[in-house]
Amino acid sequence: MSSSNFHSDGTLFIVSGPSGAGKTTLINSVRNQLEPIGINLYFSVSHTTRKARSGEKEGVNYYYLAPERFEEMARAGEFLEHAHVHANRYGTSKAEVVSRLDRGEDVILDIDYQGALQISQDPDLKSRSLNVFIFPPSIDALEKRLRERGLNTEEEIEIRLRKALDEIDAGKGFYEYIIINDDLAEATECLKAAIIAKKLQTKTALESIHEMAERFKEERDGRFARGR
């Protein structure tokens, strides 16, 4: 669907938050709801050294790499950002994301605080990016979500809870928007609002408004000329 207000113009949306905050579900909800109004967000699939879980698919959930291959890519500078997270490594393909942005496609990332911080240090990407941090409603709720997923051992859950506290402390002064994901519908509306606000402020949006204003002037002048 085309839109007068929104244009794909190479904007990067970075969504971060602790494991169990509900980022993936929230991102999927937002993408589905924004598409009908003309905002199409390409979801960049990350690379990881962790093993695929039951039901996960290569190229859909992650690209699964051997640690040696991941290290080769990191040394070659093939990652836009990469980090150690919960004893595994995760990275975002530079070639995929940058090429899409350069083609004018809007991209959304689901990465951790370390990765968001790395991207913010790139002046070109920072100027065309929006950082959003997803909070769980409480540590108790986060622990409950982690346990209900049934994907982690007790030790892993404790590690993730400790890391969540560190991320929350570090992220509260870094991100442009912070959203508490207590209710999915409400959190979806909040993330949609943040993305829409950014899209209305991009260079492409402002140029479009300027061109429309000039066209209105020409139409106005033409009417006045015909009326004389």
Protein backbone atom coordinates (compact mmCIF):
# COMPACT_ATOMS: atom_id res chain seq x y z
CA MET A 1 0.00 0.00 0.00
CA SER A 2 1.33 3.45 -0.91
CA SER A 3 1.20 6.28 1.58
CA SER A 4 1.47 10.05 1.32
CA ASN A 5 2.96 10.27 4.80
CA PHE A 6 5.46 7.41 4.83
CA HIS A 7 8.25 6.49 2.44
CA SER A 8 10.88 3.76 2.69
CA ASP A 9 14.04 5.81 3.07
CA GLY A 10 16.67 3.70 4.81
CA THR A 11 15.79 4.24 8.46
CA LEU A 12 17.21 1.81 11.03
CA PHE A 13 15.11 0.85 14.04
CA ILE A 14 16.98 -0.81 16.91
CA VAL A 15 14.95 -2.66 19.53
CA SER A 16 16.81 -3.94 22.58
CA GLY A 17 15.97 -5.40 25.95
CA PRO A 18 16.75 -8.30 28.25
CA SER A 19 16.01 -11.89 27.31
CA GLY A 20 12.38 -12.59 28.17
CA ALA A 21 11.18 -8.99 27.73
CA GLY A 22 9.08 -10.05 24.73
CA LYS A 23 10.98 -8.21 22.00
CA THR A 24 10.40 -10.73 19.21
CA THR A 25 6.64 -10.97 19.77
CA LEU A 26 6.40 -7.18 20.02
CA ILE A 27 8.40 -6.60 16.83
CA ASN A 28 6.26 -9.07 14.89
CA SER A 29 3.08 -7.40 16.15
CA VAL A 30 4.32 -3.95 15.17
CA ARG A 31 5.50 -5.01 11.71
CA ASN A 32 2.12 -6.56 10.94
CA GLN A 33 0.23 -3.46 12.05
CA LEU A 34 2.46 -0.91 10.31
CA GLU A 35 2.49 -2.57 6.90
CA PRO A 36 -1.10 -1.56 6.02
CA ILE A 37 -0.26 2.14 6.49
CA GLY A 38 2.81 1.95 4.27
CA ILE A 39 5.65 1.35 6.74
CA ASN A 40 7.43 -1.84 5.71
CA LEU A 41 10.15 -2.95 8.11
CA TYR A 42 12.66 -5.58 7.01
CA PHE A 43 13.66 -7.77 9.96
CA SER A 44 17.37 -8.51 9.89
CA VAL A 45 18.14 -12.07 11.01
CA SER A 46 21.18 -12.25 13.31
CA HIS A 47 24.05 -14.73 13.27
CA THR A 48 24.80 -16.78 16.39
CA THR A 49 27.05 -19.51 17.68
CA ARG A 50 24.34 -21.06 19.83
CA LYS A 51 22.59 -24.25 18.77
CA ALA A 52 19.16 -24.07 17.16
CA ARG A 53 16.31 -24.79 19.53
CA SER A 54 13.37 -27.03 18.75
CA GLY A 55 11.19 -25.41 16.08
CA GLU A 56 13.76 -22.81 15.04
CA LYS A 57 14.76 -22.55 11.39
CA GLU A 58 17.99 -21.51 9.70
CA GLY A 59 17.64 -18.05 8.16
CA VAL A 60 14.33 -17.42 9.91
CA ASN A 61 15.23 -17.28 13.59
CA TYR A 62 19.03 -17.05 13.21
CA TYR A 63 21.92 -18.02 11.01
CA TYR A 64 23.68 -20.68 13.07
CA LEU A 65 27.46 -20.64 12.81
CA ALA A 66 30.33 -22.64 14.28
CA PRO A 67 32.39 -20.47 16.68
CA GLU A 68 35.35 -20.61 14.29
CA ARG A 69 33.30 -19.28 11.38
CA PHE A 70 31.81 -16.54 13.53
CA GLU A 71 35.32 -15.47 14.59
CA GLU A 72 36.44 -15.37 10.95
CA MET A 73 33.56 -13.06 10.06
CA ALA A 74 34.24 -10.85 13.08
CA ARG A 75 37.92 -10.51 12.19
CA ALA A 76 37.02 -9.68 8.60
CA GLY A 77 34.74 -6.86 9.77
CA GLU A 78 31.61 -8.50 8.36
CA PHE A 79 29.44 -7.60 11.35
CA LEU A 80 27.73 -4.30 11.90
CA GLU A 81 27.81 -5.20 15.59
CA HIS A 82 28.64 -8.35 17.54
CA ALA A 83 28.75 -9.34 21.18
CA HIS A 84 29.00 -12.14 23.71
CA VAL A 85 25.57 -12.79 25.19
CA HIS A 86 24.93 -15.60 27.70
CA ALA A 87 28.06 -17.58 26.72
CA ASN A 88 27.23 -17.39 23.00
CA ARG A 89 28.08 -14.90 20.29
CA TYR A 90 25.63 -12.88 18.23
CA GLY A 91 26.21 -10.58 15.29
CA THR A 92 24.39 -8.54 12.64
CA SER A 93 25.51 -8.74 9.02
CA LYS A 94 26.93 -5.41 7.87
CA ALA A 95 26.51 -6.22 4.17
CA GLU A 96 22.84 -7.13 4.55
CA VAL A 97 21.77 -4.20 6.72
CA VAL A 98 23.81 -1.44 5.07
CA SER A 99 22.93 -2.56 1.55
CA ARG A 100 19.24 -2.50 2.41
CA LEU A 101 19.51 0.93 4.03
CA ASP A 102 21.39 2.23 0.99
CA ARG A 103 18.57 0.93 -1.24
CA GLY A 104 16.14 2.94 0.85
CA GLU A 105 14.65 0.01 2.77
CA ASP A 106 13.72 0.43 6.43
CA VAL A 107 15.27 -2.18 8.72
CA ILE A 108 14.44 -3.28 12.27
CA LEU A 109 16.93 -5.07 14.52
CA ASP A 110 16.46 -7.14 17.67
CA ILE A 111 19.83 -6.83 19.40
CA ASP A 112 21.18 -6.37 22.90
CA TYR A 113 22.50 -3.23 24.58
CA GLN A 114 26.13 -3.94 23.57
CA GLY A 115 25.17 -4.04 19.90
CA ALA A 116 23.01 -0.92 20.08
CA LEU A 117 25.90 0.95 21.69
CA GLN A 118 28.30 -0.15 18.93
CA ILE A 119 25.96 1.07 16.19
CA SER A 120 25.48 4.41 17.97
CA GLN A 121 29.20 5.04 17.52
CA ASP A 122 28.83 5.02 13.73
CA PRO A 123 27.96 8.66 12.87
CA ASP A 124 26.24 7.79 9.59
CA LEU A 125 24.04 5.09 11.11
CA LYS A 126 23.34 7.04 14.28
CA SER A 127 21.84 9.91 12.30
CA ARG A 128 19.36 7.57 10.60
CA SER A 129 18.58 5.28 13.57
CA LEU A 130 16.10 5.08 16.43
CA ASN A 131 16.95 3.21 19.65
CA VAL A 132 14.13 1.68 21.70
CA PHE A 133 14.56 -0.33 24.90
CA ILE A 134 11.92 -2.83 26.01
CA PHE A 135 11.49 -3.18 29.79
CA PRO A 136 9.77 -6.08 31.48
CA PRO A 137 7.14 -4.85 33.98
CA SER A 138 9.22 -6.25 36.85
CA ILE A 139 12.08 -8.64 37.56
CA ASP A 140 9.55 -11.10 38.96
CA ALA A 141 7.60 -10.99 35.70
CA LEU A 142 10.82 -11.43 33.73
CA GLU A 143 11.78 -14.47 35.81
CA LYS A 144 8.29 -15.92 35.33
CA ARG A 145 8.54 -15.50 31.54
CA LEU A 146 11.95 -17.15 31.43
CA ARG A 147 10.72 -20.11 33.45
CA GLU A 148 7.55 -20.50 31.38
CA ARG A 149 9.57 -20.66 28.17
CA GLY A 150 11.32 -23.75 29.51
CA LEU A 151 14.43 -23.06 27.46
CA ASN A 152 16.99 -22.39 30.19
CA THR A 153 18.54 -24.12 33.17
CA GLU A 154 18.35 -22.57 36.64
CA GLU A 155 21.90 -21.32 36.26
CA GLU A 156 21.11 -19.74 32.89
CA ILE A 157 18.02 -18.05 34.30
CA GLU A 158 20.06 -16.53 37.12
CA ILE A 159 22.66 -15.28 34.63
CA ARG A 160 19.95 -13.72 32.44
CA LEU A 161 18.29 -12.01 35.41
CA ARG A 162 21.61 -10.51 36.55
CA LYS A 163 22.37 -9.35 33.02
CA ALA A 164 18.88 -7.85 32.73
CA LEU A 165 19.52 -5.66 35.76
CA ASP A 166 22.80 -4.46 34.24
CA GLU A 167 21.13 -3.72 30.88
CA ILE A 168 18.27 -1.83 32.49
CA ASP A 169 20.71 0.29 34.50
CA ALA A 170 22.90 1.01 31.48
CA GLY A 171 20.09 1.52 28.99
CA LYS A 172 17.87 3.96 30.84
CA GLY A 173 20.07 6.90 29.87
CA PHE A 174 20.97 5.75 26.37
CA TYR A 175 17.75 4.94 24.52
CA GLU A 176 15.46 7.49 22.92
CA TYR A 177 12.36 5.57 23.99
CA ILE A 178 11.76 3.08 26.78
CA ILE A 179 8.64 0.92 26.64
CA ILE A 180 7.34 -1.28 29.46
CA ASN A 181 6.01 -4.48 27.93
CA ASP A 182 3.34 -5.36 30.48
CA ASP A 183 0.46 -5.57 28.02
CA LEU A 184 1.27 -6.56 24.41
CA ALA A 185 -1.45 -4.43 22.82
CA GLU A 186 -0.37 -1.33 24.74
CA ALA A 187 3.35 -1.95 24.12
CA THR A 188 2.59 -2.43 20.42
CA GLU A 189 0.88 0.96 20.26
CA CYS A 190 3.83 2.58 22.03
CA LEU A 191 6.42 1.09 19.67
CA LYS A 192 4.27 1.97 16.65
CA ALA A 193 4.07 5.57 17.89
CA ALA A 194 7.85 5.78 18.28
CA ILE A 195 8.44 4.40 14.78
CA ILE A 196 5.81 6.67 13.21
CA ALA A 197 7.28 9.72 14.97
CA LYS A 198 10.73 8.89 13.59
CA LYS A 199 9.38 8.33 10.07
CA LEU A 200 7.67 11.72 10.11
CA GLN A 201 10.99 13.39 10.98
CA THR A 202 13.26 11.75 8.40
CA LYS A 203 14.96 13.77 5.68
CA THR A 204 12.76 12.13 3.05
CA ALA A 205 9.57 13.03 4.93
CA LEU A 206 10.65 16.65 5.37
CA GLU A 207 11.65 16.94 1.70
CA SER A 208 8.29 15.51 0.68
CA ILE A 209 6.45 18.11 2.78
CA HIS A 210 8.61 20.88 1.29
CA GLU A 211 7.82 19.70 -2.25
CA MET A 212 4.11 19.53 -1.43
CA ALA A 213 4.17 23.02 0.04
CA GLU A 214 5.83 24.35 -3.13
CA ARG A 215 3.23 22.57 -5.27
CA PHE A 216 0.42 24.10 -3.20
CA LYS A 217 1.94 27.54 -3.75
CA GLU A 218 2.05 26.99 -7.51
CA GLU A 219 -1.57 25.79 -7.53
CA ARG A 220 -2.62 28.79 -5.42
CA ASP A 221 -0.80 31.22 -7.70
CA GLY A 222 -2.37 29.56 -10.74
CA ARG A 223 -5.87 29.95 -9.29
CA PHE A 224 -5.29 33.60 -8.47
CA ALA A 225 -3.93 34.21 -11.97
CA ARG A 226 -7.00 32.62 -13.55
CA GLY A 227 -9.27 34.69 -11.33
CA ARG A 228 -7.89 38.00 -12.47
